[in-house]
């Protein structure tokens, strides 16, 4: 069984999708359609930057979503048995699974990006990667420093890799404690806000009306939710999970383990970069026979289609 996984924020790069646009009429049509729907040239930001514009959350999220769904439409994989996406990538997974249309998904992720960027401006926060500590220990640290400032685990990415998120004071105090508890590496991340933390509550509130009115259908293949690491099938469950996801941790490690337990023997990342492939290799390193690959560029598409 093949699981398709979709890239999240942070994997963007200047030039993403440019080769796809040049070589495949379907890709050109979708990039042009996105520009038309959004009312600005997202394609130009993807292809040419500048980097500071591409890195703005309100642009990054629709850019990665668009790139991922273009790849999905180019491949139209008949072997897709399940899907998941990291944070933003969950929207891409839901489009691939037939729960949300491309147009609806694009509008939602643009709004989500705008709301999260504004929440970051209104309630400044930060995030930090903690390498080499068990999730339980990271949780204890967050509880200990909560009086200093809001901080919680935001991403359970892979064994020994947890990202924390919250107020600047809270995160920096937590990083000090993490070093004292023996973390191999603690690194503050260059982000525009405290994603997947209570500081995103205003974004969550702002997204609710859009999710409530969005046209969402039951999925054609199961999509494993970030919030629960369990498959979701029904439209109302999807709506709830997308809402809760904004301030809840991304349980990526558990999601991949659940997919593997449910029969996934191959994981294919669709989107820019190879971040998720790296995480999956750390999550299921000892499982014999599991194949991990990715599709990003025009050359990748040709290779996946021809098998050469």
Protein backbone atom coordinates (compact mmCIF):
# COMPACT_ATOMS: atom_id res chain seq x y z
CA UNK A 1 0.00 0.00 0.00
CA UNK A 2 1.24 3.49 -0.85
CA UNK A 3 0.85 6.51 1.43
CA UNK A 4 1.13 10.00 -0.04
CA UNK A 5 2.43 12.67 2.34
CA UNK A 6 2.35 16.41 1.70
CA UNK A 7 4.96 19.03 2.59
CA UNK A 8 4.46 21.68 5.25
CA UNK A 9 5.70 25.22 5.79
CA UNK A 10 9.47 25.64 5.76
CA UNK A 11 10.16 23.50 2.70
CA UNK A 12 9.64 26.31 0.18
CA UNK A 13 12.44 27.55 -2.10
CA UNK A 14 12.74 30.09 -4.92
CA UNK A 15 12.11 28.42 -8.26
CA UNK A 16 9.66 25.86 -6.89
CA UNK A 17 7.30 24.71 -9.63
CA UNK A 18 9.04 26.65 -12.40
CA UNK A 19 10.09 23.53 -14.31
CA UNK A 20 6.64 22.01 -13.90
CA UNK A 21 5.06 25.18 -15.31
CA UNK A 22 7.40 25.13 -18.32
CA UNK A 23 7.00 21.44 -19.17
CA UNK A 24 3.43 20.45 -18.34
CA UNK A 25 0.28 22.20 -19.65
CA UNK A 26 -1.71 21.00 -16.62
CA UNK A 27 0.80 22.68 -14.30
CA UNK A 28 0.69 25.93 -16.28
CA UNK A 29 -3.09 25.89 -16.20
CA UNK A 30 -3.17 25.37 -12.41
CA UNK A 31 -0.58 28.07 -11.62
CA UNK A 32 -2.43 30.51 -13.88
CA UNK A 33 -5.75 29.56 -12.27
CA UNK A 34 -4.28 30.14 -8.79
CA UNK A 35 -3.06 33.60 -9.81
CA UNK A 36 -6.54 34.40 -11.10
CA UNK A 37 -8.33 33.13 -7.98
CA UNK A 38 -6.02 34.94 -5.56
CA UNK A 39 -5.82 38.16 -7.52
CA UNK A 40 -2.02 38.36 -7.53
CA UNK A 41 0.89 36.55 -9.18
CA UNK A 42 1.63 33.77 -6.69
CA UNK A 43 3.41 31.95 -9.52
CA UNK A 44 5.93 34.77 -9.86
CA UNK A 45 6.68 34.64 -6.11
CA UNK A 46 7.22 30.87 -6.41
CA UNK A 47 9.44 31.12 -9.48
CA UNK A 48 11.37 34.33 -8.78
CA UNK A 49 10.93 35.31 -5.14
CA UNK A 50 12.21 37.50 -3.59
CA UNK A 51 12.89 35.20 -0.65
CA UNK A 52 11.50 37.55 1.99
CA UNK A 53 8.20 37.63 0.09
CA UNK A 54 8.06 33.85 -0.39
CA UNK A 55 8.79 33.37 3.33
CA UNK A 56 5.78 35.46 4.38
CA UNK A 57 3.32 32.97 5.84
CA UNK A 58 0.43 34.36 3.81
CA UNK A 59 2.37 33.50 0.61
CA UNK A 60 4.28 30.41 1.77
CA UNK A 61 1.20 28.40 2.61
CA UNK A 62 -0.66 28.77 -0.72
CA UNK A 63 2.65 28.38 -2.60
CA UNK A 64 3.44 24.99 -1.06
CA UNK A 65 -0.19 23.87 -1.33
CA UNK A 66 -0.29 24.80 -5.02
CA UNK A 67 3.01 23.07 -5.78
CA UNK A 68 1.84 19.90 -4.01
CA UNK A 69 -1.54 19.71 -5.76
CA UNK A 70 0.03 20.38 -9.16
CA UNK A 71 2.24 17.34 -8.54
CA UNK A 72 -0.75 15.27 -7.45
CA UNK A 73 -2.67 16.19 -10.61
CA UNK A 74 0.32 15.40 -12.81
CA UNK A 75 0.76 11.95 -11.27
CA UNK A 76 -2.91 11.04 -10.64
CA UNK A 77 -1.65 8.01 -8.72
CA UNK A 78 -3.87 4.94 -8.89
CA UNK A 79 -2.04 3.30 -5.98
CA UNK A 80 -2.93 5.89 -3.31
CA UNK A 81 -4.27 4.04 -0.28
CA UNK A 82 -3.92 6.74 2.39
CA UNK A 83 -2.60 10.27 2.87
CA UNK A 84 -1.35 12.76 5.44
CA UNK A 85 0.17 16.22 5.43
CA UNK A 86 2.32 18.12 7.88
CA UNK A 87 0.31 21.07 9.25
CA UNK A 88 -0.44 23.11 6.10
CA UNK A 89 0.10 19.88 4.14
CA UNK A 90 -3.06 18.42 5.68
CA UNK A 91 -5.06 20.65 3.31
CA UNK A 92 -3.13 19.24 0.35
CA UNK A 93 -3.80 15.69 1.59
CA UNK A 94 -7.53 16.45 1.86
CA UNK A 95 -7.66 17.79 -1.70
CA UNK A 96 -5.84 14.67 -2.89
CA UNK A 97 -8.36 12.53 -0.98
CA UNK A 98 -11.30 14.28 -2.67
CA UNK A 99 -12.61 16.00 0.46
CA UNK A 100 -11.91 19.57 -0.69
CA UNK A 101 -11.68 21.06 -4.19
CA UNK A 102 -8.46 22.69 -5.38
CA UNK A 103 -10.17 26.08 -5.50
CA UNK A 104 -11.68 25.75 -2.02
CA UNK A 105 -8.37 24.52 -0.60
CA UNK A 106 -6.43 27.39 -2.13
CA UNK A 107 -8.77 29.99 -0.62
CA UNK A 108 -8.63 28.31 2.79
CA UNK A 109 -4.83 28.08 2.93
CA UNK A 110 -4.42 31.68 1.78
CA UNK A 111 -6.79 32.81 4.55
CA UNK A 112 -5.07 30.50 7.05
CA UNK A 113 -1.69 31.98 6.11
CA UNK A 114 -2.97 35.55 6.43
CA UNK A 115 -4.57 34.85 9.82
CA UNK A 116 -1.50 33.05 11.19
CA UNK A 117 0.81 35.82 9.98
CA UNK A 118 -1.38 38.46 11.65
CA UNK A 119 -1.58 36.41 14.85
CA UNK A 120 2.21 36.31 14.86
CA UNK A 121 2.36 40.08 14.49
CA UNK A 122 -0.28 40.72 17.17
CA UNK A 123 1.08 38.14 19.64
CA UNK A 124 4.81 37.78 18.95
CA UNK A 125 6.18 34.33 19.63
CA UNK A 126 8.77 31.87 18.44
CA UNK A 127 9.53 28.18 18.04
CA UNK A 128 12.54 25.99 18.79
CA UNK A 129 13.62 22.49 17.82
CA UNK A 130 14.66 20.24 20.69
CA UNK A 131 16.78 17.27 19.65
CA UNK A 132 17.60 14.31 21.86
CA UNK A 133 14.92 14.41 24.56
CA UNK A 134 11.86 12.19 24.99
CA UNK A 135 8.49 13.89 24.39
CA UNK A 136 7.53 13.30 28.04
CA UNK A 137 10.60 15.24 29.20
CA UNK A 138 9.86 18.10 26.80
CA UNK A 139 6.31 18.20 28.14
CA UNK A 140 7.56 18.38 31.71
CA UNK A 141 9.86 21.27 30.78
CA UNK A 142 6.99 23.17 29.16
CA UNK A 143 4.85 22.71 32.28
CA UNK A 144 7.71 23.86 34.50
CA UNK A 145 8.30 27.14 32.64
CA UNK A 146 4.63 27.98 31.91
CA UNK A 147 4.72 30.67 34.62
CA UNK A 148 7.49 32.39 32.62
CA UNK A 149 5.45 32.43 29.44
CA UNK A 150 3.22 30.30 27.23
CA UNK A 151 5.05 27.33 25.72
CA UNK A 152 3.98 23.89 24.53
CA UNK A 153 5.12 21.06 22.28
CA UNK A 154 4.01 21.99 18.75
CA UNK A 155 5.40 19.24 16.52
CA UNK A 156 6.26 15.66 17.44
CA UNK A 157 8.24 15.18 14.25
CA UNK A 158 10.39 12.08 14.76
CA UNK A 159 12.06 10.11 17.55
CA UNK A 160 13.99 12.59 19.69
CA UNK A 161 12.83 15.58 17.63
CA UNK A 162 10.19 17.83 19.18
CA UNK A 163 9.46 21.45 18.27
CA UNK A 164 8.20 23.76 21.02
CA UNK A 165 6.20 26.92 20.44
CA UNK A 166 4.99 29.89 22.45
CA UNK A 167 5.97 33.27 23.81
CA UNK A 168 9.55 34.40 23.27
CA UNK A 169 10.23 34.39 27.02
CA UNK A 170 8.63 30.99 27.50
CA UNK A 171 10.41 29.28 24.61
CA UNK A 172 13.81 30.71 25.51
CA UNK A 173 13.42 29.64 29.15
CA UNK A 174 12.36 26.18 27.99
CA UNK A 175 15.44 25.91 25.76
CA UNK A 176 17.64 26.63 28.80
CA UNK A 177 15.93 23.84 30.74
CA UNK A 178 16.20 21.49 27.74
CA UNK A 179 19.96 21.99 27.61
CA UNK A 180 20.18 21.33 31.35
CA UNK A 181 18.18 18.11 30.90
CA UNK A 182 20.67 16.85 28.30
CA UNK A 183 19.27 17.83 24.90
CA UNK A 184 21.78 17.18 22.11
CA UNK A 185 20.73 20.33 20.27
CA UNK A 186 18.30 23.17 20.90
CA UNK A 187 17.77 25.63 18.07
CA UNK A 188 15.40 28.57 17.80
CA UNK A 189 13.68 28.56 14.41
CA UNK A 190 13.32 31.52 12.01
CA UNK A 191 9.51 31.69 12.08
CA UNK A 192 7.02 34.54 12.02
CA UNK A 193 4.88 33.27 14.88
CA UNK A 194 4.25 30.65 17.54
CA UNK A 195 2.45 28.16 15.32
CA UNK A 196 0.44 25.33 16.93
CA UNK A 197 0.31 27.14 20.26
CA UNK A 198 -2.36 29.14 22.15
CA UNK A 199 -0.88 32.32 20.63
CA UNK A 200 -2.61 31.28 17.37
CA UNK A 201 -6.07 31.46 18.97
CA UNK A 202 -7.07 34.55 16.96
CA UNK A 203 -6.17 32.74 13.73
CA UNK A 204 -8.20 29.73 14.86
CA UNK A 205 -11.19 31.97 15.60
CA UNK A 206 -10.85 33.74 12.26
CA UNK A 207 -10.70 30.48 10.33
CA UNK A 208 -13.82 29.02 11.93
CA UNK A 209 -16.39 30.82 9.78
CA UNK A 210 -14.54 29.89 6.59
CA UNK A 211 -14.33 26.22 7.64
CA UNK A 212 -17.99 26.19 8.67
CA UNK A 213 -19.07 27.43 5.24
CA UNK A 214 -16.50 25.50 3.18
CA UNK A 215 -17.69 22.70 0.93
CA UNK A 216 -16.11 19.60 2.45
CA UNK A 217 -16.95 16.02 1.49
CA UNK A 218 -16.17 12.61 2.94
CA UNK A 219 -12.75 11.35 1.83
CA UNK A 220 -12.14 8.73 -0.87
CA UNK A 221 -9.02 7.49 0.94
CA UNK A 222 -8.28 7.89 4.66
CA UNK A 223 -6.36 11.00 5.73
CA UNK A 224 -4.48 10.75 9.02
CA UNK A 225 -5.19 13.82 11.15
CA UNK A 226 -2.37 15.88 12.67
CA UNK A 227 -4.35 16.33 15.89
CA UNK A 228 -5.12 12.66 16.60
CA UNK A 229 -2.76 10.67 14.31
CA UNK A 230 -5.85 8.65 13.38
CA UNK A 231 -7.60 8.32 10.00
CA UNK A 232 -10.50 10.66 9.35
CA UNK A 233 -13.24 9.91 6.86
CA UNK A 234 -16.28 12.12 7.44
CA UNK A 235 -16.69 15.77 6.41
CA UNK A 236 -17.69 17.06 9.85
CA UNK A 237 -14.73 15.36 11.49
CA UNK A 238 -12.43 16.93 8.90
CA UNK A 239 -13.90 20.38 9.59
CA UNK A 240 -13.32 19.95 13.33
CA UNK A 241 -9.77 18.65 12.90
CA UNK A 242 -8.75 21.55 10.63
CA UNK A 243 -10.08 23.97 13.22
CA UNK A 244 -8.38 22.28 16.19
CA UNK A 245 -5.13 21.86 14.27
CA UNK A 246 -4.30 25.59 14.43
CA UNK A 247 -3.46 25.52 18.16
CA UNK A 248 -2.80 21.78 18.64
CA UNK A 249 0.46 19.83 18.28
CA UNK A 250 1.22 18.03 15.00
CA UNK A 251 1.54 14.33 15.88
CA UNK A 252 3.63 13.45 12.84
CA UNK A 253 5.62 10.57 14.29
CA UNK A 254 2.45 8.86 15.52
CA UNK A 255 0.75 9.46 12.16
CA UNK A 256 3.52 7.76 10.19
CA UNK A 257 3.62 4.83 12.64
CA UNK A 258 -0.16 4.46 12.34
CA UNK A 259 0.02 4.46 8.54
CA UNK A 260 2.78 1.86 8.59
CA UNK A 261 0.76 -0.27 11.03
CA UNK A 262 -2.23 0.00 8.68
CA UNK A 263 -0.20 -1.38 5.78
CA UNK A 264 1.76 1.47 4.18
CA UNK A 265 4.82 -0.08 2.51
CA UNK A 266 5.75 3.00 0.48
CA UNK A 267 5.71 6.69 1.41
CA UNK A 268 5.79 9.33 -1.34
CA UNK A 269 6.28 12.99 -0.42
CA UNK A 270 4.65 15.47 -2.81
CA UNK A 271 5.85 19.06 -2.59
CA UNK A 272 9.01 21.12 -2.40
CA UNK A 273 12.08 19.69 -0.70
CA UNK A 274 12.68 16.45 1.21
CA UNK A 275 11.87 17.35 4.81
CA UNK A 276 9.18 14.72 5.31
CA UNK A 277 11.23 12.00 3.63
CA UNK A 278 13.96 12.64 6.18
CA UNK A 279 11.49 12.43 9.06
CA UNK A 280 9.93 9.19 7.80
CA UNK A 281 13.38 7.61 7.49
CA UNK A 282 13.94 8.40 11.17
CA UNK A 283 10.50 7.15 12.21
CA UNK A 284 10.51 3.76 10.43
CA UNK A 285 14.22 2.96 9.98
CA UNK A 286 14.00 -0.61 11.17
CA UNK A 287 10.94 -1.65 9.16
CA UNK A 288 12.20 -3.82 6.33
CA UNK A 289 10.75 -3.26 2.90
CA UNK A 290 9.34 0.24 3.43
CA UNK A 291 10.20 2.48 0.48
CA UNK A 292 10.53 6.25 0.92
CA UNK A 293 10.67 8.63 -2.02
CA UNK A 294 9.53 12.08 -3.13
CA UNK A 295 8.36 14.08 -6.12
CA UNK A 296 9.22 17.77 -6.43
CA UNK A 297 10.64 18.66 -9.86
CA UNK A 298 9.72 17.93 -13.48
CA UNK A 299 12.49 15.30 -13.55
CA UNK A 300 10.94 13.64 -10.48
CA UNK A 301 7.55 13.53 -12.21
CA UNK A 302 9.06 11.88 -15.30
CA UNK A 303 10.89 9.34 -13.14
CA UNK A 304 7.76 8.49 -11.13
CA UNK A 305 5.62 8.11 -14.24
CA UNK A 306 8.10 6.01 -16.23
CA UNK A 307 9.63 4.17 -13.28
CA UNK A 308 13.11 4.82 -14.68
